[in-house]
Amino acid sequence: MLYTTHDIAAHRIENVYSVNTVTEEMLKHTLNDLKNVGGIEELAVVSRDGLLFCSTVSQKQHAEKFAAMSATLMGAAETATSMLGKSIPDRVIVESKHMKIIGTCAGPKALLMVMTEPYAGLGLILSEVAKASEKIKRVLG
């Protein structure tokens, strides 16, 4: 389930970065579809400077920190590859024994960040993340 700042439930999603209602609904729909893929636990659409567009992360402070750190992670990966004279990465994957985090570009304005279960198979997830990233890119322009 996706939440916005209009929700007053205990588990809410904060939409910190200003987007219009139609855009917000389209982002929520995209995340909702992606959340149905097996193994995905949390999702966030984040601005490149670390502000939160939309998220399924249940606590506001965790969602905002996740957004900021996600943008830092992606920025560092892009800087590192650029300094080596290579193109920017299509995605960054961080794996631990407790989870995997997948970060991918969703156009010039946004990143799509995905947290999965630790043993989730990435084949279908990466395919669906790529599709969702393209949708987000179209929505945000």
C-alpha atoms as a PDB file:
ATOM      1  CA  MET A   1       0.000   0.000   0.000  1.00  0.00           C
ATOM      2  CA  LEU A   2       1.218   3.504  -0.773  1.00  0.00           C
ATOM      3  CA  TYR A   3       0.690   6.519   1.416  1.00  0.00           C
ATOM      4  CA  THR A   4       0.994  10.287   0.999  1.00  0.00           C
ATOM      5  CA  THR A   5       1.115  13.228   3.377  1.00  0.00           C
ATOM      6  CA  HIS A   6      -2.679  13.214   3.352  1.00  0.00           C
ATOM      7  CA  ASP A   7      -2.710   9.898   5.206  1.00  0.00           C
ATOM      8  CA  ILE A   8      -2.981   9.951   8.961  1.00  0.00           C
ATOM      9  CA  ALA A   9      -2.359   6.238   9.474  1.00  0.00           C
ATOM     10  CA  ALA A  10       0.532   5.124  11.651  1.00  0.00           C
ATOM     11  CA  HIS A  11       2.397   3.917   8.567  1.00  0.00           C
ATOM     12  CA  ARG A  12       2.454   6.823   6.198  1.00  0.00           C
ATOM     13  CA  ILE A  13       4.557   7.907   3.299  1.00  0.00           C
ATOM     14  CA  GLU A  14       5.813  11.397   3.178  1.00  0.00           C
ATOM     15  CA  ASN A  15       5.812  13.237  -0.117  1.00  0.00           C
ATOM     16  CA  VAL A  16       8.358  15.886   0.827  1.00  0.00           C
ATOM     17  CA  TYR A  17       9.347  17.045  -2.630  1.00  0.00           C
ATOM     18  CA  SER A  18       6.615  19.158  -4.178  1.00  0.00           C
ATOM     19  CA  VAL A  19       4.749  17.474  -7.044  1.00  0.00           C
ATOM     20  CA  ASN A  20       1.242  18.092  -8.293  1.00  0.00           C
ATOM     21  CA  THR A  21      -1.594  15.703  -7.455  1.00  0.00           C
ATOM     22  CA  VAL A  22      -1.690  14.024 -10.863  1.00  0.00           C
ATOM     23  CA  THR A  23       2.065  13.415 -10.789  1.00  0.00           C
ATOM     24  CA  GLU A  24       1.839  12.133  -7.225  1.00  0.00           C
ATOM     25  CA  GLU A  25      -0.901   9.676  -8.170  1.00  0.00           C
ATOM     26  CA  MET A  26       1.090   8.421 -11.164  1.00  0.00           C
ATOM     27  CA  LEU A  27       4.173   7.885  -8.987  1.00  0.00           C
ATOM     28  CA  LYS A  28       2.096   6.070  -6.367  1.00  0.00           C
ATOM     29  CA  HIS A  29       0.595   3.842  -9.037  1.00  0.00           C
ATOM     30  CA  THR A  30       4.040   2.988 -10.424  1.00  0.00           C
ATOM     31  CA  LEU A  31       5.408   2.146  -6.967  1.00  0.00           C
ATOM     32  CA  ASN A  32       2.307   0.149  -6.107  1.00  0.00           C
ATOM     33  CA  ASP A  33       2.741  -1.977  -9.241  1.00  0.00           C
ATOM     34  CA  LEU A  34       6.418  -2.523  -8.487  1.00  0.00           C
ATOM     35  CA  LYS A  35       5.741  -3.381  -4.830  1.00  0.00           C
ATOM     36  CA  ASN A  36       3.794  -6.429  -6.072  1.00  0.00           C
ATOM     37  CA  VAL A  37       6.959  -8.004  -7.472  1.00  0.00           C
ATOM     38  CA  GLY A  38       8.120 -10.777  -5.152  1.00  0.00           C
ATOM     39  CA  GLY A  39      10.998  -9.965  -2.842  1.00  0.00           C
ATOM     40  CA  ILE A  40      10.611  -6.176  -2.864  1.00  0.00           C
ATOM     41  CA  GLU A  41      10.259  -4.681   0.606  1.00  0.00           C
ATOM     42  CA  GLU A  42      10.543  -0.895   0.220  1.00  0.00           C
ATOM     43  CA  LEU A  43      10.622   1.631  -2.627  1.00  0.00           C
ATOM     44  CA  ALA A  44      11.382   5.307  -2.983  1.00  0.00           C
ATOM     45  CA  VAL A  45      11.437   7.864  -5.764  1.00  0.00           C
ATOM     46  CA  VAL A  46      14.087  10.385  -4.804  1.00  0.00           C
ATOM     47  CA  SER A  47      15.338  13.613  -6.336  1.00  0.00           C
ATOM     48  CA  ARG A  48      18.996  13.634  -7.360  1.00  0.00           C
ATOM     49  CA  ASP A  49      19.723  15.973  -4.469  1.00  0.00           C
ATOM     50  CA  GLY A  50      18.172  13.610  -1.931  1.00  0.00           C
ATOM     51  CA  LEU A  51      14.643  14.926  -1.452  1.00  0.00           C
ATOM     52  CA  LEU A  52      11.803  12.457  -1.239  1.00  0.00           C
ATOM     53  CA  PHE A  53       9.165  12.411  -4.001  1.00  0.00           C
ATOM     54  CA  CYS A  54       7.230   9.331  -2.910  1.00  0.00           C
ATOM     55  CA  SER A  55       7.991   6.238  -0.856  1.00  0.00           C
ATOM     56  CA  THR A  56       6.656   3.051   0.676  1.00  0.00           C
ATOM     57  CA  VAL A  57       9.008   3.409   3.661  1.00  0.00           C
ATOM     58  CA  SER A  58       6.733   3.378   6.696  1.00  0.00           C
ATOM     59  CA  GLN A  59       8.370   6.004   8.916  1.00  0.00           C
ATOM     60  CA  LYS A  60       8.952   9.586   7.776  1.00  0.00           C
ATOM     61  CA  GLN A  61      12.400   9.984   9.278  1.00  0.00           C
ATOM     62  CA  HIS A  62      13.585   6.683   7.829  1.00  0.00           C
ATOM     63  CA  ALA A  63      12.201   7.592   4.408  1.00  0.00           C
ATOM     64  CA  GLU A  64      13.924  10.975   4.428  1.00  0.00           C
ATOM     65  CA  LYS A  65      17.258   9.485   5.543  1.00  0.00           C
ATOM     66  CA  PHE A  66      16.936   6.713   2.971  1.00  0.00           C
ATOM     67  CA  ALA A  67      16.301   9.341   0.285  1.00  0.00           C
ATOM     68  CA  ALA A  68      19.310  11.435   1.263  1.00  0.00           C
ATOM     69  CA  MET A  69      21.688   8.484   1.540  1.00  0.00           C
ATOM     70  CA  SER A  70      20.397   6.986  -1.706  1.00  0.00           C
ATOM     71  CA  ALA A  71      21.168  10.169  -3.624  1.00  0.00           C
ATOM     72  CA  THR A  72      24.633  10.247  -2.029  1.00  0.00           C
ATOM     73  CA  LEU A  73      25.247   6.612  -2.995  1.00  0.00           C
ATOM     74  CA  MET A  74      24.217   7.155  -6.602  1.00  0.00           C
ATOM     75  CA  GLY A  75      26.150  10.411  -6.857  1.00  0.00           C
ATOM     76  CA  ALA A  76      29.309   8.765  -5.543  1.00  0.00           C
ATOM     77  CA  ALA A  77      28.994   5.902  -8.033  1.00  0.00           C
ATOM     78  CA  GLU A  78      28.499   8.346 -10.910  1.00  0.00           C
ATOM     79  CA  THR A  79      31.491  10.429  -9.794  1.00  0.00           C
ATOM     80  CA  ALA A  80      33.717   7.378  -9.422  1.00  0.00           C
ATOM     81  CA  THR A  81      32.935   6.008 -12.869  1.00  0.00           C
ATOM     82  CA  SER A  82      33.241   9.435 -14.489  1.00  0.00           C
ATOM     83  CA  MET A  83      36.658   9.956 -12.904  1.00  0.00           C
ATOM     84  CA  LEU A  84      37.752   6.668 -14.454  1.00  0.00           C
ATOM     85  CA  GLY A  85      36.653   7.904 -17.859  1.00  0.00           C
ATOM     86  CA  LYS A  86      33.704   5.515 -18.036  1.00  0.00           C
ATOM     87  CA  SER A  87      30.011   6.158 -18.508  1.00  0.00           C
ATOM     88  CA  ILE A  88      27.765   6.552 -15.490  1.00  0.00           C
ATOM     89  CA  PRO A  89      26.349   3.289 -14.118  1.00  0.00           C
ATOM     90  CA  ASP A  90      22.901   2.100 -15.138  1.00  0.00           C
ATOM     91  CA  ARG A  91      22.332   0.901 -11.599  1.00  0.00           C
ATOM     92  CA  VAL A  92      24.053   0.427  -8.272  1.00  0.00           C
ATOM     93  CA  ILE A  93      23.427  -2.667  -6.167  1.00  0.00           C
ATOM     94  CA  VAL A  94      24.391  -2.947  -2.513  1.00  0.00           C
ATOM     95  CA  GLU A  95      24.130  -6.407  -0.962  1.00  0.00           C
ATOM     96  CA  SER A  96      24.248  -7.427   2.675  1.00  0.00           C
ATOM     97  CA  LYS A  97      23.091 -10.448   4.621  1.00  0.00           C
ATOM     98  CA  HIS A  98      19.933  -8.539   5.602  1.00  0.00           C
ATOM     99  CA  MET A  99      18.881  -6.922   2.312  1.00  0.00           C
ATOM    100  CA  LYS A 100      19.777  -5.654  -1.127  1.00  0.00           C
ATOM    101  CA  ILE A 101      19.421  -2.060  -2.270  1.00  0.00           C
ATOM    102  CA  ILE A 102      19.094  -1.292  -5.966  1.00  0.00           C
ATOM    103  CA  GLY A 103      19.441   2.263  -7.185  1.00  0.00           C
ATOM    104  CA  THR A 104      18.714   3.307 -10.739  1.00  0.00           C
ATOM    105  CA  CYS A 105      18.316   6.570 -12.606  1.00  0.00           C
ATOM    106  CA  ALA A 106      14.768   7.580 -13.442  1.00  0.00           C
ATOM    107  CA  GLY A 107      15.509  10.477 -15.763  1.00  0.00           C
ATOM    108  CA  PRO A 108      17.425  13.674 -15.131  1.00  0.00           C
ATOM    109  CA  LYS A 109      15.413  14.584 -12.029  1.00  0.00           C
ATOM    110  CA  ALA A 110      14.985  11.365 -10.083  1.00  0.00           C
ATOM    111  CA  LEU A 111      16.275   8.054  -8.818  1.00  0.00           C
ATOM    112  CA  LEU A 112      14.322   4.905  -8.096  1.00  0.00           C
ATOM    113  CA  MET A 113      15.560   3.108  -5.001  1.00  0.00           C
ATOM    114  CA  VAL A 114      14.460  -0.426  -4.170  1.00  0.00           C
ATOM    115  CA  MET A 115      15.136  -2.502  -1.070  1.00  0.00           C
ATOM    116  CA  THR A 116      14.668  -6.252  -1.377  1.00  0.00           C
ATOM    117  CA  GLU A 117      14.809  -9.293   0.828  1.00  0.00           C
ATOM    118  CA  PRO A 118      18.383 -10.606   1.167  1.00  0.00           C
ATOM    119  CA  TYR A 119      17.833 -13.700  -0.966  1.00  0.00           C
ATOM    120  CA  ALA A 120      15.532 -12.165  -3.565  1.00  0.00           C
ATOM    121  CA  GLY A 121      16.359 -13.188  -7.106  1.00  0.00           C
ATOM    122  CA  LEU A 122      17.287 -10.110  -9.096  1.00  0.00           C
ATOM    123  CA  GLY A 123      16.292 -11.217 -12.619  1.00  0.00           C
ATOM    124  CA  LEU A 124      12.621 -10.263 -12.553  1.00  0.00           C
ATOM    125  CA  ILE A 125      13.204  -7.442 -10.078  1.00  0.00           C
ATOM    126  CA  LEU A 126      15.797  -5.715 -12.291  1.00  0.00           C
ATOM    127  CA  SER A 127      13.549  -6.074 -15.323  1.00  0.00           C
ATOM    128  CA  GLU A 128      10.578  -4.536 -13.512  1.00  0.00           C
ATOM    129  CA  VAL A 129      12.739  -1.808 -11.946  1.00  0.00           C
ATOM    130  CA  ALA A 130      13.911  -0.796 -15.436  1.00  0.00           C
ATOM    131  CA  LYS A 131      10.303  -0.544 -16.632  1.00  0.00           C
ATOM    132  CA  ALA A 132       9.267   1.453 -13.563  1.00  0.00           C
ATOM    133  CA  SER A 133      12.247   3.802 -13.978  1.00  0.00           C
ATOM    134  CA  GLU A 134      11.133   4.592 -17.518  1.00  0.00           C
ATOM    135  CA  LYS A 135       7.589   5.312 -16.313  1.00  0.00           C
ATOM    136  CA  ILE A 136       8.909   7.636 -13.605  1.00  0.00           C
ATOM    137  CA  LYS A 137      11.118   9.382 -16.157  1.00  0.00           C
ATOM    138  CA  ARG A 138       8.066  10.047 -18.347  1.00  0.00           C
ATOM    139  CA  VAL A 139       5.959  11.223 -15.402  1.00  0.00           C
ATOM    140  CA  LEU A 140       8.548  13.666 -14.073  1.00  0.00           C
ATOM    141  CA  GLY A 141       9.670  14.858 -17.489  1.00  0.00           C
END
